[in-house]
C-alpha cells in the first residue's frame, strides 16, 4: 500500500508497532520512544559516507546481549530497525545496532574469531512477529519468580536474576548469580517440564546484575553499567593505590558490592604521571638532615619530604624539577644547605582566591553579638550605678523655682526621678565615713530601688499630669494654711 494513499483514520496494518524502551535499559528517558533499547547504541559516524557497505550487521537484544548476523539477501537496513534473525531453534527478534564498515571495528573490540560462522538475517520484523515477541516478553517476570521458588525447593545456592525469552517464545535464557559451582542439571529438567520450553542457563556477575537493575551512582549520574558499558574488566586495589585513594571499602565499593569500575578510567594517566616523579626510596641529603619521601601529588608534580620516615616532621614540598636537581647534587657528593631556597617571606599570590569566604569552616557559625554596656547615668544626669550610689556619688538635683514648685519640676519628672534616682547617702559624721552596717544597709536599699525602676509603667497623659500638679499645689497650700 502506498503511504500517500492512506485514508485518515484508517489503521496501516503493514507498519510495525512502536516498541518503547525496556525497563531499566536507558535509565530513564535517554532515547526516543520509537528507537527501542539504547543501552548499547553506537553512533554510526560513517553513515553518510559513500561505499559504506558491509555484509555483517550488529543486532542487539535484551540487556547487554548482542550478536553479529550476515545480511545475505542485502535487505536495506538502518540503525534502529527491528529484524527477525536466525536462531537455534526458530528465530529471534532484535534491533539493528550498527551497520557498515564500523561493524569490523566492533567485531575486533569483542575479540570475535575470524572462523566464526554467522547466522542469517531473515527479514524485517512484521506486525505478527512483533506481536508474538511482546507476548513472549510479557511472560518473563512471572517465569523468573516461579523459577526462583523452584531453585529454593531444590536447595540450590543460586539466584536467578533475569529471564529472556526468544522472539518466537520457544526458548528462554535464565541468567543466574552464584558464588560457588552449582549443579543445575535437575533444575533444567524441572524448568523445561514446567514451562514447556528449551532452557539455557547463563551465569552473570554482580556488575551485570547492577547494570540490569540500574540506579544512581555517588557522582549523581546514572550507573555506567546501566547506560553505556557492555564489557566489564576486573578492577584491582592497585589502581586505587596509584591514584592515592583511601583504601576504604565503603568508598571504593559500588552498588554491586564490587570495586567501582570508574577506578580504572584514570589509572593510566596516573601511572604515566608517577613515572615522571622521583622514586619513593630515594632520600635527599642536606647539611642539616636527611629527608625521606612522605607523599606526592602526581598531577601537580609535587613531592613532600619529611625528616622522619613515617611522620610529617619538618615537611618540605618540592617540585619534580627541584627534587631531581637535589638528587643530582647528592650523586656528585654535594649537600645543599636547605632543600628549598628561602623566599624572604615573599610568597607568590595565588591567581584564585576565596573572595566571598565560601571555603571557611566556620562560615555557618552564628557570630556572637557584643553586649552593650549600660550607661552609668540616667537621662536626667543622675547616677544609677549601684556602686556609685553605695559610694555616695549620687547627688540631689539642684532646686529650681520656674513653675512655682518646690524643686522646679513637674509631677511626671518627680515621679520618674522617684524610681530612677537612688536614695542619697546620709550626711557623714565628722571625723570619718559611714560604718560597715550603715554601708551594707544602704547597698541593699539601693538595689531594691534599682529593681523597682526596671518595671514597666505606662506613660501618663498630659491631662493627668496637669491634674496631679493642681492637686499637689492644692495640698501644699492647704497644708500651709
Protein backbone atom coordinates (compact mmCIF):
# COMPACT_ATOMS: atom_id res chain seq x y z
CA UNK A 1 0.00 0.00 0.00
CA UNK A 2 1.32 3.44 -0.93
CA UNK A 3 1.88 5.70 2.08
CA UNK A 4 0.42 8.67 0.21
CA UNK A 5 -2.90 6.87 -0.36
CA UNK A 6 -3.60 6.05 3.30
CA UNK A 7 -7.03 7.28 4.34
CA UNK A 8 -7.01 9.38 7.54
CA UNK A 9 -8.29 7.34 10.47
CA UNK A 10 -7.51 4.02 8.80
CA UNK A 11 -5.02 1.70 10.51
CA UNK A 12 -1.94 0.82 8.47
CA UNK A 13 -1.56 -2.93 9.04
CA UNK A 14 1.85 -3.12 7.35
CA UNK A 15 3.58 -0.70 9.74
CA UNK A 16 5.46 -2.22 12.64
CA UNK A 17 4.17 -1.22 16.06
CA UNK A 18 6.09 1.22 18.17
CA UNK A 19 8.25 -0.51 20.80
CA UNK A 20 9.35 1.54 23.73
CA UNK A 21 12.49 1.12 25.82
CA UNK A 22 12.68 -1.82 28.14
CA UNK A 23 12.58 -1.06 31.83
CA UNK A 24 15.99 -0.04 33.07
CA UNK A 25 17.63 -0.19 29.65
CA UNK A 26 18.06 3.53 29.15
CA UNK A 27 18.00 4.69 32.78
CA UNK A 28 15.04 6.96 32.36
CA UNK A 29 14.45 8.58 29.01
CA UNK A 30 17.76 8.87 27.18
CA UNK A 31 16.28 7.81 23.85
CA UNK A 32 13.20 8.36 21.73
CA UNK A 33 10.16 6.19 22.19
CA UNK A 34 10.48 4.58 18.76
CA UNK A 35 14.15 3.68 18.97
CA UNK A 36 13.94 0.83 21.45
CA UNK A 37 16.62 -0.21 23.90
CA UNK A 38 19.52 2.22 23.85
CA UNK A 39 21.95 0.65 26.30
CA UNK A 40 24.39 -0.36 23.55
CA UNK A 41 23.71 2.23 20.86
CA UNK A 42 26.81 3.29 18.90
CA UNK A 43 26.99 6.39 16.74
CA UNK A 44 27.44 5.44 13.10
CA UNK A 45 29.54 8.41 12.00
CA UNK A 46 30.23 6.77 8.61
CA UNK A 47 26.55 6.51 7.74
CA UNK A 48 26.60 9.27 5.09
CA UNK A 49 29.95 8.20 3.59
CA UNK A 50 29.66 6.57 0.14
CA UNK A 51 30.63 2.91 -0.30
CA UNK A 52 29.89 2.22 3.35
CA UNK A 53 28.54 -1.27 2.73
CA UNK A 54 29.32 -4.34 4.79
CA UNK A 55 27.56 -7.69 4.80
CA UNK A 56 27.64 -8.19 8.57
CA UNK A 57 25.31 -6.22 10.83
CA UNK A 58 25.19 -5.92 14.60
CA UNK A 59 21.90 -6.86 16.29
CA UNK A 60 21.07 -6.00 19.91
CA UNK A 61 18.83 -7.97 22.26
CA UNK A 62 17.76 -7.64 25.87
CA UNK A 63 20.25 -6.27 28.42
CA UNK A 64 23.82 -6.40 27.06
CA UNK A 65 23.38 -9.36 24.71
CA UNK A 66 24.41 -8.69 21.13
CA UNK A 67 25.10 -10.74 18.02
CA UNK A 68 26.55 -10.39 14.52
CA UNK A 69 24.48 -11.67 11.59
CA UNK A 70 25.04 -11.93 7.86
CA UNK A 71 22.73 -9.88 5.63
CA UNK A 72 22.98 -12.31 2.74
CA UNK A 73 19.85 -11.04 0.95
CA UNK A 74 21.07 -7.41 1.10
CA UNK A 75 17.98 -6.07 2.85
CA UNK A 76 18.22 -2.26 3.19
CA UNK A 77 18.72 -1.89 6.95
CA UNK A 78 19.41 1.12 9.11
CA UNK A 79 20.10 1.65 12.77
CA UNK A 80 17.01 1.03 14.91
CA UNK A 81 15.20 -1.38 12.54
CA UNK A 82 13.60 -4.45 14.13
CA UNK A 83 14.61 -7.63 12.33
CA UNK A 84 13.93 -11.37 12.56
CA UNK A 85 17.20 -13.30 12.71
CA UNK A 86 18.11 -16.96 12.66
CA UNK A 87 18.24 -18.79 15.99
CA UNK A 88 18.78 -22.34 17.15
CA UNK A 89 15.99 -23.38 17.01
CA UNK A 90 13.45 -20.99 15.45
CA UNK A 91 14.00 -17.28 15.06
CA UNK A 92 14.66 -14.34 17.35
CA UNK A 93 13.69 -10.66 17.29
CA UNK A 94 16.28 -7.95 17.74
CA UNK A 95 17.15 -4.39 16.80
CA UNK A 96 19.87 -3.30 14.39
CA UNK A 97 22.58 -1.53 16.39
CA UNK A 98 25.22 -0.83 13.75
CA UNK A 99 25.77 -1.23 10.02
CA UNK A 100 28.58 -0.51 7.57
CA UNK A 101 32.32 -0.65 7.96
CA UNK A 102 32.21 0.22 11.67
CA UNK A 103 30.99 -3.31 12.33
CA UNK A 104 34.53 -4.53 11.60
CA UNK A 105 35.89 -2.41 14.46
CA UNK A 106 33.12 -3.63 16.72
CA UNK A 107 33.98 -7.26 15.93
CA UNK A 108 37.64 -6.63 16.79
CA UNK A 109 36.67 -4.99 20.06
CA UNK A 110 34.77 -8.06 21.25
CA UNK A 111 37.58 -10.39 20.07
CA UNK A 112 35.45 -12.28 17.59
CA UNK A 113 37.25 -15.09 15.82
CA UNK A 114 37.75 -14.98 12.07
CA UNK A 115 36.46 -18.50 11.55
CA UNK A 116 33.14 -17.74 13.27
CA UNK A 117 30.04 -18.84 11.35
CA UNK A 118 27.46 -16.07 11.17
CA UNK A 119 23.73 -16.72 11.27
CA UNK A 120 21.43 -15.02 8.78
CA UNK A 121 19.04 -12.09 8.87
CA UNK A 122 15.67 -13.39 7.69
CA UNK A 123 13.64 -10.22 7.19
CA UNK A 124 12.44 -7.05 8.79
CA UNK A 125 10.07 -7.78 11.65
CA UNK A 126 6.41 -7.90 10.66
CA UNK A 127 3.49 -6.92 12.92
CA UNK A 128 2.77 -10.62 13.55
CA UNK A 129 6.41 -11.15 14.62
CA UNK A 130 6.29 -8.16 16.96
CA UNK A 131 3.01 -9.27 18.49
CA UNK A 132 4.43 -12.70 19.28
CA UNK A 133 7.57 -11.09 20.63
CA UNK A 134 5.55 -8.90 23.02
CA UNK A 135 3.60 -11.91 24.26
CA UNK A 136 6.82 -13.80 24.99
CA UNK A 137 8.32 -10.77 26.78
CA UNK A 138 5.23 -10.46 29.00
CA UNK A 139 5.91 -13.96 30.38
CA UNK A 140 9.43 -13.15 31.58
CA UNK A 141 8.64 -11.71 35.02
CA UNK A 142 6.27 -14.50 36.03
CA UNK A 143 8.74 -17.13 34.84
CA UNK A 144 11.57 -15.54 36.84
CA UNK A 145 9.57 -15.51 40.10
CA UNK A 146 8.42 -19.09 39.69
CA UNK A 147 11.90 -20.33 38.75
CA UNK A 148 13.34 -18.77 41.91
CA UNK A 149 10.92 -20.80 44.03
CA UNK A 150 11.88 -23.97 42.17
CA UNK A 151 15.59 -23.30 42.79
CA UNK A 152 14.93 -22.79 46.51
CA UNK A 153 12.93 -26.02 46.70
CA UNK A 154 15.83 -27.91 45.12
CA UNK A 155 18.26 -26.42 47.67
CA UNK A 156 20.49 -24.70 45.11
CA UNK A 157 22.67 -21.81 46.31
CA UNK A 158 22.00 -19.56 43.36
CA UNK A 159 19.89 -16.56 42.47
CA UNK A 160 18.06 -16.27 39.18
CA UNK A 161 18.37 -12.61 38.28
CA UNK A 162 16.60 -12.39 34.93
CA UNK A 163 14.84 -14.38 32.22
CA UNK A 164 14.93 -13.60 28.49
CA UNK A 165 12.55 -15.32 26.07
CA UNK A 166 13.42 -15.84 22.45
CA UNK A 167 11.38 -13.89 19.91
CA UNK A 168 9.24 -16.89 18.95
CA UNK A 169 8.72 -17.99 22.59
CA UNK A 170 10.24 -21.47 22.14
CA UNK A 171 13.38 -20.88 24.20
CA UNK A 172 14.38 -18.92 27.31
CA UNK A 173 17.71 -17.89 28.78
CA UNK A 174 17.93 -17.93 32.60
CA UNK A 175 20.58 -15.56 33.99
CA UNK A 176 21.77 -16.57 37.46
CA UNK A 177 24.31 -15.46 40.07
CA UNK A 178 26.23 -17.92 42.23
CA UNK A 179 29.37 -17.70 44.35
CA UNK A 180 30.12 -21.39 44.07
CA UNK A 181 29.83 -24.05 41.40
CA UNK A 182 26.20 -25.19 41.09
CA UNK A 183 24.90 -28.46 39.65
CA UNK A 184 21.68 -27.32 37.98
CA UNK A 185 21.01 -30.37 35.79
CA UNK A 186 17.95 -31.26 37.82
CA UNK A 187 16.81 -27.63 37.69
CA UNK A 188 16.94 -27.60 33.86
CA UNK A 189 14.74 -30.69 33.71
CA UNK A 190 12.17 -29.19 36.06
CA UNK A 191 12.08 -25.83 34.24
CA UNK A 192 11.72 -27.47 30.82
CA UNK A 193 8.92 -29.67 32.12
CA UNK A 194 7.05 -26.80 33.83
CA UNK A 195 7.30 -24.09 31.13
CA UNK A 196 7.42 -26.39 28.04
CA UNK A 197 10.40 -24.55 26.55
CA UNK A 198 14.07 -25.11 25.84
CA UNK A 199 16.19 -23.86 28.75
CA UNK A 200 19.62 -22.24 28.61
CA UNK A 201 21.46 -21.25 31.81
CA UNK A 202 23.92 -18.36 31.70
CA UNK A 203 25.93 -17.13 34.68
CA UNK A 204 26.44 -13.39 35.17
CA UNK A 205 28.39 -11.37 37.71
CA UNK A 206 27.37 -8.77 40.25
CA UNK A 207 28.27 -5.94 37.86
CA UNK A 208 25.97 -7.27 35.14
CA UNK A 209 23.15 -7.53 37.66
CA UNK A 210 23.67 -3.94 38.82
CA UNK A 211 23.60 -2.80 35.20
CA UNK A 212 20.34 -4.65 34.65
CA UNK A 213 18.71 -3.08 37.72
CA UNK A 214 20.13 0.42 37.22
CA UNK A 215 20.45 3.25 39.72
CA UNK A 216 22.26 6.46 40.59
CA UNK A 217 25.95 6.43 41.49
CA UNK A 218 27.71 8.54 44.16
CA UNK A 219 28.66 11.02 41.43
CA UNK A 220 24.97 11.85 40.91
CA UNK A 221 24.76 10.32 37.42
CA UNK A 222 23.17 7.04 36.25
CA UNK A 223 25.35 3.97 36.64
CA UNK A 224 27.86 3.45 33.83
CA UNK A 225 26.99 -0.25 33.64
CA UNK A 226 23.34 0.69 33.09
CA UNK A 227 23.94 3.30 30.37
CA UNK A 228 26.93 2.65 28.13
CA UNK A 229 29.22 -0.10 29.48
CA UNK A 230 28.86 -3.53 27.90
CA UNK A 231 32.14 -5.28 28.75
CA UNK A 232 33.45 -5.39 32.31
CA UNK A 233 37.14 -5.54 33.22
CA UNK A 234 38.38 -6.69 36.62
CA UNK A 235 39.32 -3.84 38.97
CA UNK A 236 42.28 -4.25 41.38
CA UNK A 237 43.16 -2.30 44.50
CA UNK A 238 46.48 -1.36 42.92
CA UNK A 239 44.57 1.06 40.69
CA UNK A 240 43.41 2.90 43.83
CA UNK A 241 46.96 2.97 45.23
CA UNK A 242 48.32 4.61 42.08
CA UNK A 243 45.74 7.40 42.48
CA UNK A 244 46.37 7.82 46.23
CA UNK A 245 42.76 6.91 47.02
CA UNK A 246 41.99 5.86 50.56
CA UNK A 247 41.57 2.08 50.72
CA UNK A 248 38.23 2.32 52.47
CA UNK A 249 35.88 -0.47 51.29
CA UNK A 250 32.83 1.73 51.77
CA UNK A 251 34.22 4.39 49.44
CA UNK A 252 35.69 2.02 46.85
CA UNK A 253 32.69 -0.34 46.51
CA UNK A 254 29.78 0.39 44.22
CA UNK A 255 26.17 -0.75 44.34
CA UNK A 256 27.24 -4.21 43.20
CA UNK A 257 29.47 -4.56 46.32
CA UNK A 258 32.50 -4.77 43.99
CA UNK A 259 35.19 -2.20 43.30
CA UNK A 260 33.86 0.70 41.23
CA UNK A 261 34.51 0.41 37.51
CA UNK A 262 35.38 4.12 37.33
CA UNK A 263 38.59 3.48 39.30
CA UNK A 264 40.08 2.12 36.05
CA UNK A 265 39.10 5.16 33.99
CA UNK A 266 42.04 7.43 35.01
CA UNK A 267 44.57 4.92 36.28
CA UNK A 268 46.64 5.10 33.06
CA UNK A 269 47.01 8.87 33.43
CA UNK A 270 48.25 8.48 36.99
CA UNK A 271 50.67 5.70 36.03
CA UNK A 272 52.28 7.94 33.40
CA UNK A 273 52.45 10.86 35.85
CA UNK A 274 54.06 8.76 38.60
CA UNK A 275 56.78 7.61 36.20
CA UNK A 276 57.90 11.25 35.82
CA UNK A 277 58.46 11.64 39.59
CA UNK A 278 61.49 10.53 41.68
CA UNK A 279 61.34 7.06 43.17
CA UNK A 280 59.95 6.67 46.68
CA UNK A 281 63.09 5.03 48.05
CA UNK A 282 65.37 7.96 47.11
CA UNK A 283 66.45 10.16 50.05
CA UNK A 284 67.55 13.79 49.87
CA UNK A 285 70.66 14.75 51.83
CA UNK A 286 71.32 18.24 53.24
CA UNK A 287 73.92 19.56 55.64
CA UNK A 288 71.43 19.54 58.49
CA UNK A 289 69.28 16.41 57.98
CA UNK A 290 68.14 13.61 55.71
CA UNK A 291 64.71 13.93 54.08
CA UNK A 292 62.53 10.94 53.21
CA UNK A 293 59.65 10.59 50.80
CA UNK A 294 56.31 11.26 52.52
CA UNK A 295 53.64 11.86 49.83
CA UNK A 296 53.24 13.14 46.28
CA UNK A 297 50.70 14.83 44.03
CA UNK A 298 51.22 13.16 40.67
CA UNK A 299 49.15 15.58 38.60
CA UNK A 300 50.74 18.69 40.17
CA UNK A 301 54.20 17.06 40.00
CA UNK A 302 54.89 17.94 43.64
CA UNK A 303 56.58 15.76 46.28
CA UNK A 304 56.55 16.27 50.05
CA UNK A 305 59.60 15.15 52.06
CA UNK A 306 59.90 14.71 55.82
CA UNK A 307 62.80 14.23 58.23
CA UNK A 308 61.01 11.18 59.70
CA UNK A 309 60.11 8.09 57.73
CA UNK A 310 56.56 7.62 59.00
CA UNK A 311 55.61 11.02 60.41
CA UNK A 312 55.21 14.51 58.95
CA UNK A 313 58.12 16.28 60.70
CA UNK A 314 59.72 19.38 59.13
CA UNK A 315 57.93 18.71 55.85
CA UNK A 316 59.10 20.44 52.70
CA UNK A 317 57.20 20.37 49.38
CA UNK A 318 59.26 20.42 46.20
CA UNK A 319 58.51 20.28 42.52
CA UNK A 320 59.77 17.35 40.49
CA UNK A 321 62.42 19.52 38.85
CA UNK A 322 63.76 20.70 42.23
CA UNK A 323 63.83 17.14 43.56
CA UNK A 324 65.77 15.85 40.54
CA UNK A 325 68.23 18.75 40.89
CA UNK A 326 68.98 17.90 44.53
CA UNK A 327 69.30 14.19 43.68
CA UNK A 328 71.89 15.08 41.03
CA UNK A 329 73.83 17.17 43.59
CA UNK A 330 73.79 14.29 46.10
CA UNK A 331 75.17 11.90 43.49
CA UNK A 332 78.10 14.30 42.97
CA UNK A 333 78.73 14.43 46.72
CA UNK A 334 77.29 17.89 47.24
CA UNK A 335 74.87 18.56 50.11
CA UNK A 336 72.89 21.81 49.87
CA UNK A 337 72.19 23.97 52.91
CA UNK A 338 68.44 23.50 52.57
CA UNK A 339 66.04 21.72 50.26
CA UNK A 340 64.18 24.85 49.32
CA UNK A 341 65.75 28.30 48.98
CA UNK A 342 64.34 30.95 51.27
CA UNK A 343 61.96 33.38 49.62
CA UNK A 344 62.35 36.08 52.33
CA UNK A 345 58.66 35.96 53.07
CA UNK A 346 57.62 36.97 49.55
CA UNK A 347 55.00 34.39 48.72
CA UNK A 348 53.53 34.35 45.25
CA UNK A 349 49.90 35.31 45.31
CA UNK A 350 47.50 32.67 44.08
CA UNK A 351 45.55 33.57 40.93
CA UNK A 352 42.43 32.22 42.62
CA UNK A 353 41.16 33.50 45.93
CA UNK A 354 38.20 32.90 48.14
CA UNK A 355 36.78 36.40 47.93
CA UNK A 356 33.44 35.52 49.48
CA UNK A 357 34.92 33.32 52.23
CA UNK A 358 32.93 30.37 50.93
CA UNK A 359 35.51 27.76 51.90
CA UNK A 360 35.77 28.73 55.55
CA UNK A 361 34.77 26.03 58.01
CA UNK A 362 33.03 28.46 60.36
CA UNK A 363 31.07 30.32 57.69
CA UNK A 364 27.76 28.99 59.04
CA UNK A 365 28.53 29.70 62.69
CA UNK A 366 26.47 32.39 64.35
CA UNK A 367 28.51 35.41 65.27
CA UNK A 368 28.36 36.38 68.91
CA UNK A 369 26.81 39.78 69.43
CA UNK A 370 28.65 42.13 71.76
CA UNK A 371 26.59 43.18 74.74
CA UNK A 372 26.13 46.91 75.03
CA UNK A 373 27.25 48.31 78.35
CA UNK A 374 24.54 50.14 80.23
CA UNK A 375 25.06 53.82 80.76
CA UNK A 376 26.04 54.81 84.27
CA UNK A 377 23.92 57.93 84.11
CA UNK A 378 20.19 58.38 83.68
CA UNK A 379 18.79 60.84 81.12
CA UNK A 380 18.46 63.49 83.85
CA UNK A 381 22.17 63.25 84.65
CA UNK A 382 21.83 61.37 87.98
CA UNK A 383 23.94 58.34 88.82
CA UNK A 384 22.19 54.97 88.57
CA UNK A 385 25.07 52.58 89.19
CA UNK A 386 24.72 50.81 92.46
CA UNK A 387 28.43 51.23 93.12
CA UNK A 388 28.15 54.97 92.67
CA UNK A 389 25.15 55.02 94.94
CA UNK A 390 26.95 52.95 97.50
CA UNK A 391 29.99 55.24 97.38
CA UNK A 392 27.84 58.29 97.80
CA UNK A 393 28.46 59.73 94.32
CA UNK A 394 24.77 60.30 93.64
CA UNK A 395 23.79 63.93 94.06
CA UNK A 396 20.47 65.60 94.62
CA UNK A 397 19.16 67.73 91.75
CA UNK A 398 19.55 71.47 92.13
CA UNK A 399 16.34 73.20 93.20
CA UNK A 400 14.59 75.41 90.70
CA UNK A 401 11.58 77.62 91.04
CA UNK A 402 10.46 78.15 87.45
CA UNK A 403 6.97 76.66 87.76
CA UNK A 404 6.35 77.66 91.32
CA UNK A 405 7.07 74.14 92.65
CA UNK A 406 9.36 73.42 95.48
CA UNK A 407 12.06 71.87 93.28
CA UNK A 408 11.04 73.48 89.99
CA UNK A 409 9.95 70.12 88.36
CA UNK A 410 6.63 68.77 87.14
CA UNK A 411 4.84 65.88 88.78
CA UNK A 412 5.86 63.48 85.98
CA UNK A 413 9.54 64.31 86.34
CA UNK A 414 9.36 63.89 90.08
CA UNK A 415 7.65 60.50 89.67
CA UNK A 416 10.31 59.31 87.19
CA UNK A 417 13.07 60.52 89.45
CA UNK A 418 11.49 58.67 92.32
CA UNK A 419 12.05 55.34 90.52
CA UNK A 420 15.41 56.16 88.91
CA UNK A 421 17.28 58.19 91.44
CA UNK A 422 18.80 56.18 94.31
CA UNK A 423 18.35 57.43 97.78
CA UNK A 424 21.18 59.84 98.61
CA UNK A 425 23.71 58.97 101.21
CA UNK A 426 23.16 60.25 104.70
CA UNK A 427 25.48 63.00 105.77
CA UNK A 428 28.64 61.64 107.23
CA UNK A 429 29.68 62.28 110.75
CA UNK A 430 32.67 64.36 111.43
CA UNK A 431 35.88 62.52 111.63
CA UNK A 432 35.07 59.53 109.41
CA UNK A 433 32.84 57.85 106.83
CA UNK A 434 29.85 55.59 107.34
CA UNK A 435 30.24 52.42 109.32
CA UNK A 436 30.10 48.94 107.83
CA UNK A 437 26.50 48.30 108.95
CA UNK A 438 25.34 51.61 107.51
CA UNK A 439 27.05 50.92 104.14
CA UNK A 440 25.56 47.40 103.89
CA UNK A 441 22.08 48.73 104.69
CA UNK A 442 22.47 51.46 102.09
CA UNK A 443 23.63 48.97 99.39
CA UNK A 444 20.67 46.63 99.83
CA UNK A 445 18.25 49.53 99.76
CA UNK A 446 19.76 50.97 96.56
CA UNK A 447 19.49 47.55 94.89
CA UNK A 448 15.79 47.36 95.71
CA UNK A 449 15.25 50.81 94.25
CA UNK A 450 17.10 49.78 91.09
CA UNK A 451 14.93 46.67 90.58
CA UNK A 452 11.77 48.75 91.04
CA UNK A 453 12.96 51.24 88.42
CA UNK A 454 13.16 48.50 85.76
CA UNK A 455 9.48 47.61 85.99
CA UNK A 456 7.28 48.73 83.11
CA UNK A 457 4.94 51.64 83.81
CA UNK A 458 2.61 53.09 81.16
CA UNK A 459 3.02 56.70 80.21
CA UNK A 460 0.51 59.12 81.56
CA UNK A 461 -1.29 61.74 79.50
CA UNK A 462 -0.77 65.45 79.84
CA UNK A 463 -4.22 66.00 81.40
CA UNK A 464 -3.35 63.63 84.20
CA UNK A 465 -0.08 65.45 84.79
CA UNK A 466 -1.86 68.77 84.97
CA UNK A 467 -4.43 67.37 87.39
CA UNK A 468 -1.69 65.96 89.58
CA UNK A 469 0.12 69.28 89.58
CA UNK A 470 -3.05 71.04 90.65
CA UNK A 471 -3.72 68.56 93.42
CA UNK A 472 -0.19 68.72 94.68
CA UNK A 473 -0.23 72.51 94.75
CA UNK A 474 -3.60 72.49 96.46
CA UNK A 475 -2.37 70.13 99.10
CA UNK A 476 0.65 72.28 99.72
CA UNK A 477 -1.40 75.42 100.01
CA UNK A 478 -3.88 73.69 102.29
CA UNK A 479 -1.11 72.46 104.48
CA UNK A 480 0.35 75.92 104.69
CA UNK A 481 -3.00 77.31 105.65
